Amino acid sequence: MGRAALAARKGHRLDGDDLRAEHRLRPLLAAAGWRLRSYTDEDDRYLALAVRDG
């Protein structure tokens, strides 16, 4: 289930502070030594695939 669908299901709306949003997730992973290789956020699925750097 994607972020927007999950938020709607719980009666919430997405906002820019969501840590699972690609623009927030990518730098957080990088700071921890990970690189975001693939990101999908569709109505029926959410997938963030990261690999360890180094």
Protein backbone atom coordinates (compact mmCIF):
# COMPACT_ATOMS: atom_id res chain seq x y z
CA MET A 1 0.00 0.00 0.00
CA GLY A 2 1.41 3.39 -0.97
CA ARG A 3 1.95 6.32 1.37
CA ALA A 4 -1.04 8.33 0.12
CA ALA A 5 -3.40 5.35 0.31
CA LEU A 6 -2.22 4.47 3.81
CA ALA A 7 -2.59 8.06 5.00
CA ALA A 8 -6.11 8.26 3.55
CA ARG A 9 -7.01 4.96 5.18
CA LYS A 10 -5.96 6.40 8.55
CA GLY A 11 -7.74 9.70 7.93
CA HIS A 12 -4.54 11.69 7.41
CA ARG A 13 -3.04 13.65 4.55
CA LEU A 14 0.52 13.44 3.33
CA ASP A 15 2.76 16.36 4.14
CA GLY A 16 6.34 17.30 3.33
CA ASP A 17 7.57 16.12 6.72
CA ASP A 18 6.94 12.44 6.00
CA LEU A 19 10.31 10.68 6.43
CA ARG A 20 9.29 8.07 3.85
CA ALA A 21 9.01 10.68 1.07
CA GLU A 22 11.84 10.24 -1.43
CA HIS A 23 13.24 13.75 -0.95
CA ARG A 24 13.50 13.12 2.82
CA LEU A 25 14.50 9.46 2.72
CA ARG A 26 17.42 9.76 0.28
CA PRO A 27 19.57 12.13 2.44
CA LEU A 28 18.73 10.24 5.64
CA LEU A 29 19.90 6.98 4.12
CA ALA A 30 23.03 8.63 2.70
CA ALA A 31 23.94 10.04 6.11
CA ALA A 32 23.76 6.50 7.51
CA GLY A 33 25.93 5.04 4.74
CA TRP A 34 23.17 3.75 2.45
CA ARG A 35 22.29 4.63 -1.15
CA LEU A 36 18.70 4.61 -2.37
CA ARG A 37 18.70 2.48 -5.52
CA SER A 38 14.99 2.32 -6.26
CA TYR A 39 11.93 4.14 -5.00
CA THR A 40 8.30 3.38 -5.85
CA ASP A 41 5.32 5.06 -4.23
CA GLU A 42 2.12 4.10 -6.03
CA ASP A 43 -1.43 3.69 -4.74
CA ASP A 44 -1.06 -0.06 -4.36
CA ARG A 45 2.57 -0.31 -3.21
CA TYR A 46 5.47 1.44 -1.57
CA LEU A 47 9.03 0.17 -1.95
CA ALA A 48 12.31 1.83 -1.08
CA LEU A 49 15.34 -0.30 -1.95
CA ALA A 50 18.68 0.77 -0.52
CA VAL A 51 22.16 -0.73 -0.65
CA ARG A 52 25.00 -0.22 1.78
CA ASP A 53 27.79 2.01 0.45
CA GLY A 54 31.34 0.80 0.77
